[in-house]
Protein backbone atom coordinates (compact mmCIF):
# COMPACT_ATOMS: atom_id res chain seq x y z
CA UNK A 1 0.00 0.00 0.00
CA UNK A 2 2.74 2.40 1.05
CA UNK A 3 4.78 1.38 -2.01
CA UNK A 4 1.82 2.05 -4.28
CA UNK A 5 1.23 5.45 -2.70
CA UNK A 6 4.88 6.31 -3.08
CA UNK A 7 4.68 5.44 -6.78
CA UNK A 8 1.57 7.55 -7.17
CA UNK A 9 3.23 10.45 -5.36
CA UNK A 10 6.36 10.15 -7.49
CA UNK A 11 4.29 10.05 -10.66
CA UNK A 12 2.35 13.13 -9.55
CA UNK A 13 5.55 14.96 -8.72
CA UNK A 14 7.09 14.05 -12.08
CA UNK A 15 3.95 15.22 -13.87
CA UNK A 16 4.03 18.52 -11.96
CA UNK A 17 7.68 19.06 -12.89
CA UNK A 18 7.47 17.95 -16.51
CA UNK A 19 4.15 19.58 -17.39
CA UNK A 20 5.53 23.15 -17.42
CA UNK A 21 8.48 21.94 -19.48
CA UNK A 22 6.16 20.33 -22.03
CA UNK A 23 4.03 23.46 -22.02
CA UNK A 24 7.06 25.67 -22.65
CA UNK A 25 8.23 23.35 -25.43
CA UNK A 26 4.81 23.55 -27.06
CA UNK A 27 4.87 27.36 -26.80
CA UNK A 28 8.35 27.50 -28.34
CA UNK A 29 7.25 25.16 -31.14
CA UNK A 30 4.17 27.29 -31.80
CA UNK A 31 6.20 30.48 -31.81
CA UNK A 32 8.84 28.97 -34.08
CA UNK A 33 6.13 27.97 -36.56
CA UNK A 34 4.76 31.51 -36.45
CA UNK A 35 8.18 33.01 -37.02
CA UNK A 36 8.94 30.70 -39.92
CA UNK A 37 5.78 31.83 -41.70
CA UNK A 38 6.52 35.55 -41.34
CA UNK A 39 7.41 37.57 -44.43
CA UNK A 40 10.91 38.89 -44.89
CA UNK A 41 13.13 35.82 -45.18
CA UNK A 42 15.27 35.76 -48.32
CA UNK A 43 18.66 34.88 -49.80
CA UNK A 44 20.28 37.55 -47.60
CA UNK A 45 19.55 35.34 -44.58
CA UNK A 46 19.80 31.93 -46.30
CA UNK A 47 16.00 31.91 -46.68
CA UNK A 48 15.62 31.69 -42.91
CA UNK A 49 14.37 34.12 -40.31
CA UNK A 50 17.38 35.98 -38.92
CA UNK A 51 16.94 35.78 -35.15
CA UNK A 52 20.32 35.02 -33.54
CA UNK A 53 19.21 36.30 -30.12
CA UNK A 54 16.01 34.27 -30.06
CA UNK A 55 13.81 37.33 -29.64
CA UNK A 56 10.90 35.44 -31.16
CA UNK A 57 10.66 33.35 -27.98
CA UNK A 58 9.99 36.42 -25.81
CA UNK A 59 6.24 36.14 -25.34
CA UNK A 60 3.42 35.05 -27.60
CA UNK A 61 1.76 36.03 -30.85
CA UNK A 62 1.10 39.54 -29.56
CA UNK A 63 4.79 40.05 -28.87
CA UNK A 64 5.70 38.85 -32.36
CA UNK A 65 3.17 41.26 -33.85
CA UNK A 66 4.66 44.07 -31.77
CA UNK A 67 8.18 43.24 -32.98
CA UNK A 68 7.07 43.13 -36.62
CA UNK A 69 5.15 46.43 -36.29
CA UNK A 70 8.21 48.05 -34.70
CA UNK A 71 10.45 46.75 -37.51
CA UNK A 72 8.16 48.09 -40.23
CA UNK A 73 7.70 51.43 -38.48
CA UNK A 74 11.39 52.01 -37.82
CA UNK A 75 12.21 50.89 -41.35
CA UNK A 76 9.83 53.50 -42.77
CA UNK A 77 11.30 56.21 -40.56
CA UNK A 78 14.82 55.21 -41.58
CA UNK A 79 13.91 55.25 -45.29
CA UNK A 80 12.46 58.75 -44.92
CA UNK A 81 15.58 59.81 -43.01
CA UNK A 82 17.90 58.48 -45.72
CA UNK A 83 15.97 60.26 -48.48
CA UNK A 84 16.16 63.48 -46.47
CA UNK A 85 19.88 62.93 -45.86
CA UNK A 86 20.57 62.44 -49.57
CA UNK A 87 18.71 65.66 -50.34
CA UNK A 88 20.66 67.38 -47.58
CA UNK A 89 24.18 66.40 -48.64
CA UNK A 90 23.40 67.33 -52.25
CA UNK A 91 22.20 70.79 -51.18
CA UNK A 92 18.72 70.27 -52.58
CA UNK A 93 16.47 72.51 -50.53
CA UNK A 94 13.53 74.90 -50.64
CA UNK A 95 14.26 78.50 -51.57
CA UNK A 96 13.89 81.34 -49.10
CA UNK A 97 13.58 81.33 -45.34
CA UNK A 98 12.52 78.59 -42.98
CA UNK A 99 11.98 81.20 -40.27
CA UNK A 100 12.13 84.90 -41.13
CA UNK A 101 11.60 85.67 -37.44
CA UNK A 102 14.77 83.88 -36.38
CA UNK A 103 16.68 84.50 -39.61
CA UNK A 104 17.04 80.81 -40.53
CA UNK A 105 17.15 79.99 -44.24
CA UNK A 106 16.94 76.60 -45.93
CA UNK A 107 20.33 77.26 -47.55
CA UNK A 108 21.94 77.74 -44.14
CA UNK A 109 20.56 74.42 -42.95
CA UNK A 110 21.84 72.62 -46.07
CA UNK A 111 25.41 73.65 -45.17
CA UNK A 112 25.27 72.10 -41.70
CA UNK A 113 25.65 68.57 -40.43
CA UNK A 114 22.46 66.50 -40.10
CA UNK A 115 21.90 67.05 -36.40
CA UNK A 116 23.32 70.56 -36.48
CA UNK A 117 20.56 71.42 -38.93
CA UNK A 118 17.94 69.96 -36.61
CA UNK A 119 19.30 71.95 -33.67
CA UNK A 120 19.16 75.13 -35.80
CA UNK A 121 15.42 74.70 -36.48
CA UNK A 122 13.44 77.04 -34.18
CA UNK A 123 11.49 75.43 -31.35
CA UNK A 124 8.09 75.93 -32.97
CA UNK A 125 9.34 74.18 -36.11
CA UNK A 126 10.62 71.23 -34.08
CA UNK A 127 7.27 70.99 -32.30
CA UNK A 128 5.49 70.78 -35.68
CA UNK A 129 7.68 67.83 -36.68
CA UNK A 130 7.10 66.03 -33.40
CA UNK A 131 3.37 66.76 -33.43
CA UNK A 132 3.06 65.17 -36.89
CA UNK A 133 5.01 62.11 -35.72
CA UNK A 134 2.83 61.84 -32.61
CA UNK A 135 -0.30 62.02 -34.77
CA UNK A 136 0.84 59.16 -36.99
CA UNK A 137 1.85 57.13 -33.94
CA UNK A 138 -1.54 57.70 -32.31
CA UNK A 139 -3.33 56.74 -35.52
CA UNK A 140 -1.39 53.50 -35.94
CA UNK A 141 -1.98 52.53 -32.31
CA UNK A 142 -5.56 53.65 -31.71
CA UNK A 143 -7.50 54.52 -34.86
CA UNK A 144 -7.27 51.52 -37.16
CA UNK A 145 -10.84 50.27 -37.74
CA UNK A 146 -9.44 46.80 -38.54
CA UNK A 147 -8.16 46.53 -34.96
CA UNK A 148 -4.86 46.86 -33.13
CA UNK A 149 -1.99 44.85 -34.57
CA UNK A 150 -1.75 42.77 -31.36
CA UNK A 151 -5.49 42.12 -31.33
CA UNK A 152 -6.04 40.62 -34.76
CA UNK A 153 -4.99 43.58 -36.89
CA UNK A 154 -2.06 43.68 -39.31
CA UNK A 155 1.33 45.01 -38.15
CA UNK A 156 2.28 48.14 -40.07
CA UNK A 157 -1.22 48.62 -41.48
CA UNK A 158 -1.90 52.26 -42.34
CA UNK A 159 -4.26 51.69 -45.26
CA UNK A 160 -6.95 53.61 -43.42
CA UNK A 161 -4.74 56.71 -43.79
CA UNK A 162 -5.44 57.08 -47.52
CA UNK A 163 -3.22 54.22 -48.70
CA UNK A 164 -0.23 55.49 -46.75
CA UNK A 165 0.80 51.88 -46.11
CA UNK A 166 2.21 51.02 -49.55
CA UNK A 167 1.59 54.16 -51.57
CA UNK A 168 -0.63 55.13 -54.48
CA UNK A 169 -1.89 52.76 -57.16
CA UNK A 170 -1.99 49.68 -54.95
CA UNK A 171 -5.63 48.96 -55.75
CA UNK A 172 -4.53 47.84 -59.23
CA UNK A 173 -1.98 45.33 -57.90
CA UNK A 174 -2.60 41.60 -57.51
CA UNK A 175 -2.18 39.78 -54.20
CA UNK A 176 1.21 38.45 -55.37
CA UNK A 177 2.38 41.93 -56.35
CA UNK A 178 1.27 43.33 -53.00
CA UNK A 179 3.19 40.59 -51.19
CA UNK A 180 6.29 41.45 -53.21
CA UNK A 181 5.86 45.13 -52.33
CA UNK A 182 5.60 44.29 -48.62
CA UNK A 183 8.79 42.26 -48.73
CA UNK A 184 10.55 45.07 -50.63
CA UNK A 185 9.45 47.51 -47.95
CA UNK A 186 10.81 45.26 -45.20
CA UNK A 187 14.17 44.76 -46.89
CA UNK A 188 14.62 48.39 -47.91
CA UNK A 189 13.66 49.44 -44.39
CA UNK A 190 16.27 47.12 -42.90
CA UNK A 191 18.93 48.49 -45.23
CA UNK A 192 17.92 52.05 -44.40
CA UNK A 193 18.22 51.34 -40.66
CA UNK A 194 21.75 50.06 -41.23
CA UNK A 195 22.47 53.19 -43.27
CA UNK A 196 21.24 55.55 -40.56
CA UNK A 197 23.25 53.66 -37.93
CA UNK A 198 26.34 53.92 -40.18
CA UNK A 199 25.91 57.69 -40.50
CA UNK A 200 25.60 58.10 -36.73
CA UNK A 201 28.66 55.88 -36.19
CA UNK A 202 30.70 57.77 -38.80
CA UNK A 203 29.96 61.07 -37.08
CA UNK A 204 30.55 59.77 -33.55
CA UNK A 205 33.74 57.81 -34.36
CA UNK A 206 35.54 59.26 -37.41
CA UNK A 207 36.90 56.50 -39.62
CA UNK A 208 34.65 53.80 -38.17
CA UNK A 209 32.80 53.56 -41.51
CA UNK A 210 35.49 53.62 -44.25
CA UNK A 211 33.01 54.39 -47.02
CA UNK A 212 31.96 57.57 -45.19
CA UNK A 213 35.44 58.66 -44.11
CA UNK A 214 36.07 62.39 -44.64
CA UNK A 215 32.53 62.99 -45.88
CA UNK A 216 32.23 66.81 -45.84
CA UNK A 217 28.80 67.15 -44.25
CA UNK A 218 29.11 64.47 -41.57
CA UNK A 219 29.97 67.04 -38.93
CA UNK A 220 28.61 68.16 -35.60
CA UNK A 221 26.93 65.96 -32.97
CA UNK A 222 26.21 62.33 -33.75
CA UNK A 223 22.85 62.37 -31.99
CA UNK A 224 20.28 64.91 -30.94
CA UNK A 225 17.50 65.12 -28.43
CA UNK A 226 14.10 66.43 -29.57
CA UNK A 227 14.94 69.93 -28.35
CA UNK A 228 18.73 70.00 -28.16
CA UNK A 229 22.07 68.28 -28.64
CA UNK A 230 22.66 64.83 -27.20
């Protein structure tokens, strides 16, 4: 009797110990399957999802959706930043004054380093930039009629903002063409993020990016706070 009870107790203890392990294994398996089906894998990463730190195992489907939304969003910001930077270093700018009150012209800004130019923008101009960014952030987080991206919505979805998600003319594209456009956006966004990081590194540590060594307009601070130099 005692022997039987001891076996039952041991079996119960083993089940209590092993059950969480099985549960965690099932969660990891489920997450891995979700990661493997995500868009963005290609020949650059040997047709596999590049996740050397195992970030995909941090949480559930909502966490994965958050990570993907953050990747798309930061990629879009980086692409816009790189386009602006290319305009800047080629001295392509609006004519006239940015602020007649403070005597700041667009030409003056085009002759400064990237973050020097930002610091030279008057406070009210900086607030306009940040207010626009805050509006887009609020819209993507709170106003999508299809639902939040962690609650059944699509990460990166901004179609409700007049086709802002993938641009004009998308209604004429097939499902395959739209999928190709989404992958292009992901990859170009990743490349742009690397480009922005390279510019910041080249300014902070001269010579750290050989391709950008001695670039004439990579001057001034390497970072900036919203309302001042970092």
